[in-house]
C-alpha atoms as a PDB file:
ATOM      1  CA  MET A   1      84.671  58.678-121.253  1.00  0.00           C
ATOM      2  CA  LYS A   2      86.103  57.598-118.340  1.00  0.00           C
ATOM      3  CA  ILE A   3      84.674  58.571-114.933  1.00  0.00           C
ATOM      4  CA  LYS A   4      87.882  60.248-113.757  1.00  0.00           C
ATOM      5  CA  GLN A   5      88.275  62.287-116.912  1.00  0.00           C
ATOM      6  CA  PHE A   6      84.300  63.514-116.541  1.00  0.00           C
ATOM      7  CA  ILE A   7      85.180  64.829-113.174  1.00  0.00           C
ATOM      8  CA  ALA A   8      88.419  66.427-114.347  1.00  0.00           C
ATOM      9  CA  ALA A   9      86.776  68.268-116.938  1.00  0.00           C
ATOM     10  CA  PHE A  10      83.557  69.156-114.995  1.00  0.00           C
ATOM     11  CA  LEU A  11      85.943  70.768-112.401  1.00  0.00           C
ATOM     12  CA  VAL A  12      87.538  72.319-115.001  1.00  0.00           C
ATOM     13  CA  ILE A  13      84.369  73.747-116.321  1.00  0.00           C
ATOM     14  CA  SER A  14      82.875  74.635-112.958  1.00  0.00           C
ATOM     15  CA  SER A  15      86.038  76.362-111.985  1.00  0.00           C
ATOM     16  CA  LEU A  16      85.745  78.730-115.104  1.00  0.00           C
ATOM     17  CA  ASN A  17      82.196  79.651-114.565  1.00  0.00           C
ATOM     18  CA  SER A  18      82.563  80.284-111.140  1.00  0.00           C
ATOM     19  CA  VAL A  19      84.506  83.144-112.437  1.00  0.00           C
ATOM     20  CA  ILE A  20      82.999  84.093-115.602  1.00  0.00           C
ATOM     21  CA  ALA A  21      79.644  84.261-115.493  1.00  0.00           C
ATOM     22  CA  GLN A  22      77.549  83.244-118.645  1.00  0.00           C
ATOM     23  CA  ASP A  23      76.336  86.913-119.341  1.00  0.00           C
ATOM     24  CA  LYS A  24      79.426  88.441-118.941  1.00  0.00           C
ATOM     25  CA  LYS A  25      82.349  88.289-121.583  1.00  0.00           C
ATOM     26  CA  PHE A  26      86.101  88.166-120.690  1.00  0.00           C
ATOM     27  CA  ILE A  27      89.446  88.278-122.514  1.00  0.00           C
ATOM     28  CA  MET A  28      91.768  85.618-121.373  1.00  0.00           C
ATOM     29  CA  HIS A  29      95.549  85.426-122.092  1.00  0.00           C
ATOM     30  CA  THR A  30      98.313  82.780-121.731  1.00  0.00           C
ATOM     31  CA  VAL A  31     101.716  84.035-119.976  1.00  0.00           C
ATOM     32  CA  ALA A  32     104.251  81.196-119.839  1.00  0.00           C
ATOM     33  CA  PHE A  33     108.029  80.506-118.997  1.00  0.00           C
ATOM     34  CA  TYR A  34     110.008  78.096-120.306  1.00  0.00           C
ATOM     35  CA  ASN A  35     113.616  76.880-119.349  1.00  0.00           C
ATOM     36  CA  VAL A  36     114.533  75.822-123.298  1.00  0.00           C
ATOM     37  CA  GLU A  37     117.557  73.919-122.026  1.00  0.00           C
ATOM     38  CA  ASN A  38     120.910  74.444-123.818  1.00  0.00           C
ATOM     39  CA  LEU A  39     119.202  76.342-127.160  1.00  0.00           C
ATOM     40  CA  PHE A  40     122.571  76.403-128.738  1.00  0.00           C
ATOM     41  CA  ASP A  41     123.025  77.146-132.470  1.00  0.00           C
ATOM     42  CA  ILE A  42     125.901  75.106-134.356  1.00  0.00           C
ATOM     43  CA  LYS A  43     128.675  77.674-134.704  1.00  0.00           C
ATOM     44  CA  ASP A  44     131.565  77.547-132.340  1.00  0.00           C
ATOM     45  CA  ASP A  45     131.664  81.404-130.794  1.00  0.00           C
ATOM     46  CA  GLU A  46     135.101  82.104-129.247  1.00  0.00           C
ATOM     47  CA  ASN A  47     133.403  84.403-126.882  1.00  0.00           C
ATOM     48  CA  VAL A  48     130.856  81.745-125.548  1.00  0.00           C
ATOM     49  CA  ASN A  49     131.598  78.436-123.778  1.00  0.00           C
ATOM     50  CA  ASP A  50     129.427  76.840-126.565  1.00  0.00           C
ATOM     51  CA  SER A  51     131.864  74.057-127.335  1.00  0.00           C
ATOM     52  CA  GLU A  52     129.706  70.876-126.431  1.00  0.00           C
ATOM     53  CA  TYR A  53     127.024  72.146-128.865  1.00  0.00           C
ATOM     54  CA  THR A  54     129.079  72.283-131.927  1.00  0.00           C
ATOM     55  CA  PRO A  55     129.717  69.757-134.816  1.00  0.00           C
ATOM     56  CA  ALA A  56     132.911  68.675-133.290  1.00  0.00           C
ATOM     57  CA  ASN A  57     130.760  67.290-130.542  1.00  0.00           C
ATOM     58  CA  GLY A  58     127.876  66.132-132.794  1.00  0.00           C
ATOM     59  CA  TRP A  59     125.757  68.929-132.672  1.00  0.00           C
ATOM     60  CA  THR A  60     124.687  69.034-136.299  1.00  0.00           C
ATOM     61  CA  THR A  61     122.300  71.326-138.313  1.00  0.00           C
ATOM     62  CA  GLU A  62     119.788  68.937-138.491  1.00  0.00           C
ATOM     63  CA  LYS A  63     119.940  68.454-134.798  1.00  0.00           C
ATOM     64  CA  TYR A  64     119.475  71.836-133.960  1.00  0.00           C
ATOM     65  CA  GLN A  65     116.685  72.056-136.521  1.00  0.00           C
ATOM     66  CA  GLN A  66     115.059  69.143-134.752  1.00  0.00           C
ATOM     67  CA  LYS A  67     115.450  70.832-131.390  1.00  0.00           C
ATOM     68  CA  LEU A  68     113.764  73.856-132.796  1.00  0.00           C
ATOM     69  CA  LYS A  69     110.991  71.982-134.009  1.00  0.00           C
ATOM     70  CA  ASN A  70     110.568  70.050-130.841  1.00  0.00           C
ATOM     71  CA  LEU A  71     110.047  73.588-128.940  1.00  0.00           C
ATOM     72  CA  GLU A  72     108.019  74.939-131.609  1.00  0.00           C
ATOM     73  CA  LYS A  73     105.396  71.921-130.686  1.00  0.00           C
ATOM     74  CA  VAL A  74     105.819  72.748-127.020  1.00  0.00           C
ATOM     75  CA  ILE A  75     105.348  76.687-127.554  1.00  0.00           C
ATOM     76  CA  SER A  76     102.313  76.395-129.791  1.00  0.00           C
ATOM     77  CA  GLU A  77     100.366  74.305-127.318  1.00  0.00           C
ATOM     78  CA  ILE A  78     101.127  75.941-123.856  1.00  0.00           C
ATOM     79  CA  GLY A  79      97.781  77.052-122.548  1.00  0.00           C
ATOM     80  CA  THR A  80      95.781  75.976-125.318  1.00  0.00           C
ATOM     81  CA  SER A  81      93.022  74.475-123.046  1.00  0.00           C
ATOM     82  CA  ASP A  82      90.917  75.513-120.313  1.00  0.00           C
ATOM     83  CA  GLN A  83      88.773  77.263-123.019  1.00  0.00           C
ATOM     84  CA  GLN A  84      91.978  79.073-124.520  1.00  0.00           C
ATOM     85  CA  THR A  85      93.024  78.266-128.075  1.00  0.00           C
ATOM     86  CA  ASN A  86      95.908  81.165-128.390  1.00  0.00           C
ATOM     87  CA  SER A  87      99.495  79.854-127.521  1.00  0.00           C
ATOM     88  CA  PRO A  88     101.241  82.198-124.849  1.00  0.00           C
ATOM     89  CA  VAL A  89     100.985  86.181-125.540  1.00  0.00           C
ATOM     90  CA  ILE A  90     103.999  86.641-123.382  1.00  0.00           C
ATOM     91  CA  LEU A  91     106.676  83.917-122.818  1.00  0.00           C
ATOM     92  CA  GLY A  92     109.982  84.393-120.815  1.00  0.00           C
ATOM     93  CA  VAL A  93     112.989  81.820-121.807  1.00  0.00           C
ATOM     94  CA  CYS A  94     116.240  80.795-120.453  1.00  0.00           C
ATOM     95  CA  GLU A  95     119.197  78.814-121.342  1.00  0.00           C
ATOM     96  CA  ILE A  96     119.500  80.329-124.992  1.00  0.00           C
ATOM     97  CA  GLU A  97     122.866  81.211-126.450  1.00  0.00           C
ATOM     98  CA  ASN A  98     122.099  84.605-128.261  1.00  0.00           C
ATOM     99  CA  ARG A  99     119.317  86.573-130.213  1.00  0.00           C
ATOM    100  CA  GLY A 100     119.898  84.074-132.946  1.00  0.00           C
ATOM    101  CA  VAL A 101     118.531  81.103-131.662  1.00  0.00           C
ATOM    102  CA  LEU A 102     115.459  82.765-130.918  1.00  0.00           C
ATOM    103  CA  GLU A 103     114.987  84.682-134.486  1.00  0.00           C
ATOM    104  CA  ASP A 104     115.451  81.134-135.874  1.00  0.00           C
ATOM    105  CA  LEU A 105     112.671  79.739-133.141  1.00  0.00           C
ATOM    106  CA  ILE A 106     109.849  82.514-134.084  1.00  0.00           C
ATOM    107  CA  LYS A 107     110.388  81.735-137.749  1.00  0.00           C
ATOM    108  CA  MET A 108     109.285  78.074-137.291  1.00  0.00           C
ATOM    109  CA  PRO A 109     105.977  77.868-138.964  1.00  0.00           C
ATOM    110  CA  LYS A 110     103.677  77.162-135.907  1.00  0.00           C
ATOM    111  CA  LEU A 111     104.864  80.160-134.399  1.00  0.00           C
ATOM    112  CA  ALA A 112     105.840  82.596-137.427  1.00  0.00           C
ATOM    113  CA  ALA A 113     101.920  83.022-137.865  1.00  0.00           C
ATOM    114  CA  LYS A 114     101.706  84.424-134.088  1.00  0.00           C
ATOM    115  CA  ASP A 115     103.991  87.170-135.383  1.00  0.00           C
ATOM    116  CA  TYR A 116     106.237  87.009-131.921  1.00  0.00           C
ATOM    117  CA  GLY A 117     108.540  89.876-131.051  1.00  0.00           C
ATOM    118  CA  ILE A 118     111.901  89.568-129.136  1.00  0.00           C
ATOM    119  CA  VAL A 119     113.627  90.939-126.462  1.00  0.00           C
ATOM    120  CA  HIS A 120     117.017  89.911-125.374  1.00  0.00           C
ATOM    121  CA  TYR A 121     120.135  91.220-124.022  1.00  0.00           C
ATOM    122  CA  ASP A 122     123.786  89.509-124.124  1.00  0.00           C
ATOM    123  CA  SER A 123     124.311  88.567-120.579  1.00  0.00           C
ATOM    124  CA  PRO A 124     127.737  87.772-118.699  1.00  0.00           C
ATOM    125  CA  ASP A 125     127.158  84.282-117.778  1.00  0.00           C
ATOM    126  CA  GLY A 126     130.183  82.022-117.676  1.00  0.00           C
ATOM    127  CA  ARG A 127     128.373  79.289-120.036  1.00  0.00           C
ATOM    128  CA  GLY A 128     127.003  81.999-122.256  1.00  0.00           C
ATOM    129  CA  ILE A 129     123.289  81.558-121.792  1.00  0.00           C
ATOM    130  CA  ASP A 130     120.723  84.083-121.574  1.00  0.00           C
ATOM    131  CA  THR A 131     117.330  85.172-120.618  1.00  0.00           C
ATOM    132  CA  GLY A 132     114.731  86.368-123.360  1.00  0.00           C
ATOM    133  CA  PHE A 133     111.536  87.591-123.653  1.00  0.00           C
ATOM    134  CA  LEU A 134     108.848  86.708-126.874  1.00  0.00           C
ATOM    135  CA  TYR A 135     105.691  88.434-127.165  1.00  0.00           C
ATOM    136  CA  GLN A 136     102.964  88.547-129.708  1.00  0.00           C
ATOM    137  CA  LYS A 137     102.746  92.176-131.425  1.00  0.00           C
ATOM    138  CA  LYS A 138      99.197  91.888-131.766  1.00  0.00           C
ATOM    139  CA  HIS A 139      98.475  91.939-127.902  1.00  0.00           C
ATOM    140  CA  PHE A 140     101.843  93.297-126.314  1.00  0.00           C
ATOM    141  CA  THR A 141     103.736  96.541-127.461  1.00  0.00           C
ATOM    142  CA  PRO A 142     106.984  97.277-125.498  1.00  0.00           C
ATOM    143  CA  THR A 143     107.830 100.750-124.197  1.00  0.00           C
ATOM    144  CA  SER A 144     111.148 100.209-122.249  1.00  0.00           C
ATOM    145  CA  SER A 145     113.475  97.186-121.392  1.00  0.00           C
ATOM    146  CA  ALA A 146     116.685  96.483-119.349  1.00  0.00           C
ATOM    147  CA  ASN A 147     118.949  93.937-118.234  1.00  0.00           C
ATOM    148  CA  ILE A 148     119.769  94.185-114.745  1.00  0.00           C
ATOM    149  CA  PRO A 149     122.837  92.918-113.413  1.00  0.00           C
ATOM    150  CA  LEU A 150     123.003  90.693-110.296  1.00  0.00           C
ATOM    151  CA  ILE A 151     126.508  91.785-108.803  1.00  0.00           C
ATOM    152  CA  ILE A 152     127.676  88.555-106.460  1.00  0.00           C
ATOM    153  CA  GLN A 153     131.153  87.522-105.106  1.00  0.00           C
ATOM    154  CA  ASN A 154     132.211  84.318-105.052  1.00  0.00           C
ATOM    155  CA  ILE A 155     131.583  82.439-101.563  1.00  0.00           C
ATOM    156  CA  ASP A 156     135.097  81.014-101.655  1.00  0.00           C
ATOM    157  CA  GLY A 157     136.596  84.530-100.215  1.00  0.00           C
ATOM    158  CA  SER A 158     138.528  85.336-103.424  1.00  0.00           C
ATOM    159  CA  GLY A 159     136.465  88.708-103.763  1.00  0.00           C
ATOM    160  CA  LYS A 160     135.969  87.447-107.683  1.00  0.00           C
ATOM    161  CA  ARG A 161     132.567  87.965-109.264  1.00  0.00           C
ATOM    162  CA  VAL A 162     130.315  84.981-110.071  1.00  0.00           C
ATOM    163  CA  TYR A 163     129.209  85.950-113.401  1.00  0.00           C
ATOM    164  CA  THR A 164     125.649  84.900-113.865  1.00  0.00           C
ATOM    165  CA  ARG A 165     122.351  85.693-115.577  1.00  0.00           C
ATOM    166  CA  ASP A 166     121.017  89.395-115.500  1.00  0.00           C
ATOM    167  CA  GLN A 167     117.507  90.143-114.563  1.00  0.00           C
ATOM    168  CA  LEU A 168     115.366  91.041-117.588  1.00  0.00           C
ATOM    169  CA  LEU A 169     112.924  93.511-117.392  1.00  0.00           C
ATOM    170  CA  VAL A 170     110.412  94.612-120.148  1.00  0.00           C
ATOM    171  CA  THR A 171     107.429  97.288-119.239  1.00  0.00           C
ATOM    172  CA  GLY A 172     104.782  97.531-122.198  1.00  0.00           C
ATOM    173  CA  TYR A 173     101.176  97.820-122.864  1.00  0.00           C
ATOM    174  CA  LEU A 174      98.879  94.330-123.040  1.00  0.00           C
ATOM    175  CA  ASP A 175      96.028  95.015-124.594  1.00  0.00           C
ATOM    176  CA  GLY A 176      96.307  98.905-123.593  1.00  0.00           C
ATOM    177  CA  GLU A 177      97.231  97.876-119.994  1.00  0.00           C
ATOM    178  CA  GLU A 178     100.555  98.594-118.886  1.00  0.00           C
ATOM    179  CA  MET A 179     102.116  95.869-117.153  1.00  0.00           C
ATOM    180  CA  HIS A 180     105.977  94.876-116.192  1.00  0.00           C
ATOM    181  CA  PHE A 181     107.521  91.357-116.749  1.00  0.00           C
ATOM    182  CA  ILE A 182     110.981  90.455-115.169  1.00  0.00           C
ATOM    183  CA  VAL A 183     112.523  87.356-116.683  1.00  0.00           C
ATOM    184  CA  ASN A 184     114.986  85.355-114.594  1.00  0.00           C
ATOM    185  CA  HIS A 185     117.725  82.439-114.559  1.00  0.00           C
ATOM    186  CA  TRP A 186     118.604  82.650-110.863  1.00  0.00           C
ATOM    187  CA  PRO A 187     122.318  80.958-109.964  1.00  0.00           C
ATOM    188  CA  SER A 188     122.437  77.429-109.893  1.00  0.00           C
ATOM    189  CA  ARG A 189     122.905  74.809-106.843  1.00  0.00           C
ATOM    190  CA  SER A 190     126.561  73.971-107.972  1.00  0.00           C
ATOM    191  CA  GLY A 191     128.284  73.258-105.057  1.00  0.00           C
ATOM    192  CA  GLY A 192     125.251  72.270-102.956  1.00  0.00           C
ATOM    193  CA  GLU A 193     121.890  73.832-102.316  1.00  0.00           C
ATOM    194  CA  LYS A 194     123.219  75.322 -98.880  1.00  0.00           C
ATOM    195  CA  ARG A 195     126.633  76.489-100.075  1.00  0.00           C
ATOM    196  CA  SER A 196     125.131  78.290-103.157  1.00  0.00           C
ATOM    197  CA  SER A 197     121.777  79.498-101.494  1.00  0.00           C
ATOM    198  CA  PRO A 198     123.545  83.185-100.727  1.00  0.00           C
ATOM    199  CA  TYR A 199     123.859  83.619-104.680  1.00  0.00           C
ATOM    200  CA  ARG A 200     119.884  82.718-105.059  1.00  0.00           C
ATOM    201  CA  GLU A 201     119.097  84.881-101.957  1.00  0.00           C
ATOM    202  CA  ALA A 202     121.054  87.938-103.532  1.00  0.00           C
ATOM    203  CA  ALA A 203     118.920  87.180-107.073  1.00  0.00           C
ATOM    204  CA  GLY A 204     115.643  87.255-104.836  1.00  0.00           C
ATOM    205  CA  ALA A 205     116.400  90.773-103.122  1.00  0.00           C
ATOM    206  CA  LEU A 206     117.658  92.248-106.691  1.00  0.00           C
ATOM    207  CA  ASN A 207     113.962  90.807-107.978  1.00  0.00           C
ATOM    208  CA  LYS A 208     112.391  92.549-104.932  1.00  0.00           C
ATOM    209  CA  LYS A 209     114.429  95.763-105.393  1.00  0.00           C
ATOM    210  CA  ILE A 210     113.323  96.361-109.115  1.00  0.00           C
ATOM    211  CA  ILE A 211     109.559  95.514-107.881  1.00  0.00           C
ATOM    212  CA  ASP A 212     109.906  98.005-105.346  1.00  0.00           C
ATOM    213  CA  SER A 213     111.373 100.501-107.366  1.00  0.00           C
ATOM    214  CA  LEU A 214     108.149  99.841-110.083  1.00  0.00           C
ATOM    215  CA  GLN A 215     105.972 100.524-107.199  1.00  0.00           C
ATOM    216  CA  LYS A 216     107.276 103.561-105.973  1.00  0.00           C
ATOM    217  CA  ILE A 217     106.262 105.270-109.148  1.00  0.00           C
ATOM    218  CA  ASN A 218     103.221 103.570-109.506  1.00  0.00           C
ATOM    219  CA  PRO A 219     101.956 101.799-106.165  1.00  0.00           C
ATOM    220  CA  ASP A 220      99.434  99.762-108.240  1.00  0.00           C
ATOM    221  CA  ALA A 221     102.262  98.598-110.630  1.00  0.00           C
ATOM    222  CA  LYS A 222     101.355  95.221-112.209  1.00  0.00           C
ATOM    223  CA  VAL A 223     104.686  93.078-112.186  1.00  0.00           C
ATOM    224  CA  ILE A 224     104.685  89.468-112.974  1.00  0.00           C
ATOM    225  CA  THR A 225     108.156  88.087-112.327  1.00  0.00           C
ATOM    226  CA  MET A 226     109.072  84.659-113.984  1.00  0.00           C
ATOM    227  CA  GLY A 227     111.630  82.123-114.141  1.00  0.00           C
ATOM    228  CA  ASP A 228     113.978  79.177-113.279  1.00  0.00           C
ATOM    229  CA  LEU A 229     114.884  80.272-110.012  1.00  0.00           C
ATOM    230  CA  ASN A 230     116.716  76.950-108.852  1.00  0.00           C
ATOM    231  CA  ASP A 231     114.958  77.264-105.859  1.00  0.00           C
ATOM    232  CA  GLY A 232     111.429  76.139-104.844  1.00  0.00           C
ATOM    233  CA  PRO A 233     108.934  78.029-103.566  1.00  0.00           C
ATOM    234  CA  TYR A 234     109.574  77.579-100.126  1.00  0.00           C
ATOM    235  CA  ASN A 235     112.982  78.404-100.187  1.00  0.00           C
ATOM    236  CA  LYS A 236     114.342  81.493 -98.396  1.00  0.00           C
ATOM    237  CA  SER A 237     115.221  82.923-101.669  1.00  0.00           C
ATOM    238  CA  VAL A 238     111.830  83.500-102.463  1.00  0.00           C
ATOM    239  CA  LYS A 239     109.997  83.369 -99.118  1.00  0.00           C
ATOM    240  CA  LYS A 240     112.022  86.013 -97.140  1.00  0.00           C
ATOM    241  CA  PHE A 241     114.090  88.285 -99.831  1.00  0.00           C
ATOM    242  CA  LEU A 242     111.646  88.382-102.310  1.00  0.00           C
ATOM    243  CA  GLY A 243     108.570  88.062 -99.919  1.00  0.00           C
ATOM    244  CA  ALA A 244     106.184  85.945-101.607  1.00  0.00           C
ATOM    245  CA  LYS A 245     103.085  84.412 -99.968  1.00  0.00           C
ATOM    246  CA  ALA A 246     101.184  81.469-100.897  1.00  0.00           C
ATOM    247  CA  LYS A 247      97.643  82.648 -99.956  1.00  0.00           C
ATOM    248  CA  LYS A 248      96.018  85.464-101.663  1.00  0.00           C
ATOM    249  CA  GLU A 249      94.635  86.781 -98.381  1.00  0.00           C
ATOM    250  CA  GLU A 250      98.036  86.939 -97.072  1.00  0.00           C
ATOM    251  CA  VAL A 251      99.215  89.267 -99.730  1.00  0.00           C
ATOM    252  CA  GLU A 252      98.972  93.461 -98.842  1.00  0.00           C
ATOM    253  CA  PRO A 253      99.256  95.860-100.854  1.00  0.00           C
ATOM    254  CA  GLY A 254     102.856  95.903-102.108  1.00  0.00           C
ATOM    255  CA  GLY A 255     103.070  92.326-101.832  1.00  0.00           C
ATOM    256  CA  ILE A 256     103.209  89.342-104.152  1.00  0.00           C
ATOM    257  CA  PHE A 257     101.500  86.225-104.501  1.00  0.00           C
ATOM    258  CA  ASN A 258     103.002  82.938-105.673  1.00  0.00           C
ATOM    259  CA  PRO A 259     100.443  80.553-106.645  1.00  0.00           C
ATOM    260  CA  MET A 260     103.234  77.913-107.405  1.00  0.00           C
ATOM    261  CA  GLU A 261     103.834  77.382-103.620  1.00  0.00           C
ATOM    262  CA  GLU A 262     100.617  75.672-103.251  1.00  0.00           C
ATOM    263  CA  MET A 263     101.072  73.583-106.488  1.00  0.00           C
ATOM    264  CA  SER A 264     104.308  72.433-104.962  1.00  0.00           C
ATOM    265  CA  ASN A 265     102.585  71.536-101.839  1.00  0.00           C
ATOM    266  CA  ARG A 266     100.902  69.185-103.450  1.00  0.00           C
ATOM    267  CA  GLY A 267     104.040  67.277-105.123  1.00  0.00           C
ATOM    268  CA  ILE A 268     103.481  69.024-108.623  1.00  0.00           C
ATOM    269  CA  GLY A 269     107.279  69.805-110.171  1.00  0.00           C
ATOM    270  CA  SER A 270     108.807  71.268-113.146  1.00  0.00           C
ATOM    271  CA  LEU A 271     112.033  69.100-112.818  1.00  0.00           C
ATOM    272  CA  ALA A 272     113.302  66.010-111.134  1.00  0.00           C
ATOM    273  CA  TYR A 273     116.534  65.002-109.606  1.00  0.00           C
ATOM    274  CA  ARG A 274     117.325  62.110-107.796  1.00  0.00           C
ATOM    275  CA  ASP A 275     113.727  60.829-108.412  1.00  0.00           C
ATOM    276  CA  ALA A 276     112.245  63.828-106.620  1.00  0.00           C
ATOM    277  CA  TRP A 277     110.278  66.523-108.227  1.00  0.00           C
ATOM    278  CA  ASP A 278     110.549  70.540-107.468  1.00  0.00           C
ATOM    279  CA  LEU A 279     109.016  73.600-108.822  1.00  0.00           C
ATOM    280  CA  PHE A 280     111.980  75.717-109.494  1.00  0.00           C
ATOM    281  CA  ASP A 281     110.027  77.118-112.453  1.00  0.00           C
ATOM    282  CA  GLN A 282     107.764  79.737-111.181  1.00  0.00           C
ATOM    283  CA  MET A 283     105.324  82.639-112.090  1.00  0.00           C
ATOM    284  CA  LEU A 284     104.671  85.354-109.553  1.00  0.00           C
ATOM    285  CA  PHE A 285     102.333  88.424-109.190  1.00  0.00           C
ATOM    286  CA  THR A 286     102.344  91.596-107.762  1.00  0.00           C
ATOM    287  CA  GLU A 287      99.071  92.390-105.576  1.00  0.00           C
ATOM    288  CA  PRO A 288      96.672  94.271-108.289  1.00  0.00           C
ATOM    289  CA  PHE A 289      96.643  90.806-109.899  1.00  0.00           C
ATOM    290  CA  ILE A 290      94.870  89.395-107.302  1.00  0.00           C
ATOM    291  CA  ARG A 291      91.852  91.904-106.595  1.00  0.00           C
ATOM    292  CA  LYS A 292      88.218  90.500-106.823  1.00  0.00           C
ATOM    293  CA  ASP A 293      86.880  92.830-109.674  1.00  0.00           C
ATOM    294  CA  TYR A 294      88.004  91.941-113.187  1.00  0.00           C
ATOM    295  CA  SER A 295      87.918  95.569-114.610  1.00  0.00           C
ATOM    296  CA  SER A 296      91.402  94.733-115.751  1.00  0.00           C
ATOM    297  CA  PHE A 297      93.677  91.992-116.178  1.00  0.00           C
ATOM    298  CA  ARG A 298      93.601  89.594-113.117  1.00  0.00           C
ATOM    299  CA  PHE A 299      95.207  86.350-112.364  1.00  0.00           C
ATOM    300  CA  TRP A 300      92.993  83.564-112.865  1.00  0.00           C
ATOM    301  CA  LYS A 301      95.019  80.205-112.697  1.00  0.00           C
ATOM    302  CA  ALA A 302      98.683  78.621-112.932  1.00  0.00           C
ATOM    303  CA  GLY A 303      99.491  75.273-114.678  1.00  0.00           C
ATOM    304  CA  VAL A 304     102.617  73.309-115.451  1.00  0.00           C
ATOM    305  CA  PHE A 305     102.927  71.941-119.269  1.00  0.00           C
ATOM    306  CA  ASN A 306     103.533  68.298-118.574  1.00  0.00           C
ATOM    307  CA  LYS A 307     102.169  66.529-121.547  1.00  0.00           C
ATOM    308  CA  PRO A 308     103.150  63.224-122.119  1.00  0.00           C
ATOM    309  CA  TYR A 309     105.108  63.300-125.071  1.00  0.00           C
ATOM    310  CA  LEU A 310     107.367  65.440-123.026  1.00  0.00           C
ATOM    311  CA  VAL A 311     108.362  62.698-120.541  1.00  0.00           C
ATOM    312  CA  GLN A 312     111.350  59.960-120.700  1.00  0.00           C
ATOM    313  CA  THR A 313     109.545  56.651-121.032  1.00  0.00           C
ATOM    314  CA  THR A 314     112.239  53.946-121.157  1.00  0.00           C
ATOM    315  CA  GLY A 315     115.685  53.893-119.248  1.00  0.00           C
ATOM    316  CA  GLN A 316     117.236  55.013-115.856  1.00  0.00           C
ATOM    317  CA  TYR A 317     114.951  58.401-116.157  1.00  0.00           C
ATOM    318  CA  LYS A 318     112.130  56.882-116.953  1.00  0.00           C
ATOM    319  CA  GLY A 319     109.316  59.385-115.938  1.00  0.00           C
ATOM    320  CA  TYR A 320     111.590  62.514-116.011  1.00  0.00           C
ATOM    321  CA  PRO A 321     111.360  65.230-118.462  1.00  0.00           C
ATOM    322  CA  LEU A 322     112.669  63.968-121.895  1.00  0.00           C
ATOM    323  CA  ARG A 323     115.910  66.403-121.991  1.00  0.00           C
ATOM    324  CA  ASN A 324     118.362  67.729-124.853  1.00  0.00           C
ATOM    325  CA  SER A 325     121.930  66.352-125.383  1.00  0.00           C
ATOM    326  CA  PRO A 326     124.347  66.980-128.647  1.00  0.00           C
ATOM    327  CA  ALA A 327     123.906  63.074-129.083  1.00  0.00           C
ATOM    328  CA  GLU A 328     119.649  63.387-128.965  1.00  0.00           C
ATOM    329  CA  PRO A 329     117.688  66.481-129.662  1.00  0.00           C
ATOM    330  CA  GLY A 330     115.130  66.453-126.935  1.00  0.00           C
ATOM    331  CA  TYR A 331     112.595  69.113-125.350  1.00  0.00           C
ATOM    332  CA  SER A 332     114.104  69.860-122.145  1.00  0.00           C
ATOM    333  CA  ASP A 333     114.839  69.007-118.782  1.00  0.00           C
ATOM    334  CA  HIS A 334     112.308  71.207-117.175  1.00  0.00           C
ATOM    335  CA  PHE A 335     108.347  71.444-117.931  1.00  0.00           C
ATOM    336  CA  ALA A 336     107.108  74.696-118.997  1.00  0.00           C
ATOM    337  CA  VAL A 337     104.770  76.729-116.363  1.00  0.00           C
ATOM    338  CA  TYR A 338     102.103  79.106-117.271  1.00  0.00           C
ATOM    339  CA  SER A 339      99.103  81.323-115.908  1.00  0.00           C
ATOM    340  CA  TYR A 340      96.065  82.691-117.055  1.00  0.00           C
ATOM    341  CA  ILE A 341      94.956  86.127-116.798  1.00  0.00           C
ATOM    342  CA  ILE A 342      91.574  87.535-117.769  1.00  0.00           C
ATOM    343  CA  LYS A 343      89.700  90.970-118.066  1.00  0.00           C
ATOM    344  CA  GLU A 344      85.969  91.264-118.327  1.00  0.00           C
ATOM    345  CA  ILE A 345      84.796  92.951-121.366  1.00  0.00           C
ATOM    346  CA  LYS A 346      82.549  96.008-120.656  1.00  0.00           C
END
């Protein structure tokens, strides 16, 4: 084993053992989010702006099936390291056309054995893309769900509504413990980062409102909000409007911890644009997840799933995520992100 690989392995094991003593037993689960980039079926739906991904433009059954196989491989492997062998028990996704593509996805052989359930609502997004929520039925039982609309007006002064993705809230029990999950796909940077920022600031404010409402019912509500925020951890939408903190010691009761900010500061990204990496895909945790005891599920660590096979190796976009197109089914222009949560078994 090369010395760098040995050191990396040693640090991983040491990090885990510092939390998990040898005389204790723990449950560990992976929670993940993946922007699956344009997961469209081949049907031309007149109610959806899906014409790019139809046979008329080269998107065939064979290519659709290859896209599903690619995603199957990724999802089945996310988080399967660091002493974890199971694929994500919870997976938030975005850029899906409809419930049908999720049904096709979870029927793929490597995922079918995990017996995933689906929570999905159609959103009013102009491109016809939605968010979705997958869960392993063995571990998670949903009790309620809602798609909460983001009502924003066009900044051009026309007063017209901007139709974008709803925020998907799912409540349920993970191995008997109540948790809430919010799956997001905030408005894009179309028209420029600065000009479009008010849209994402409104999304951050709505996210905070949802979390506040859950904490009003239960101050110790465990909430994981995840998604493609189209902003980095350092942007106003996340720092000011959502109120996320980078350091655990800065998070007060009722507050939100963002482990992605420290990762972003180290140059770790989930997507690349103009040769610069950014971390738009994020997972954030309410304060009960970072308490020091492990009597219930706590956040342990987060990561970006960026295996070599997910990276473009040639051409103009060498080094970027190996993205998908009607001409060539790839994986995604985003890497998935994931977190481990752990609980001591008494």
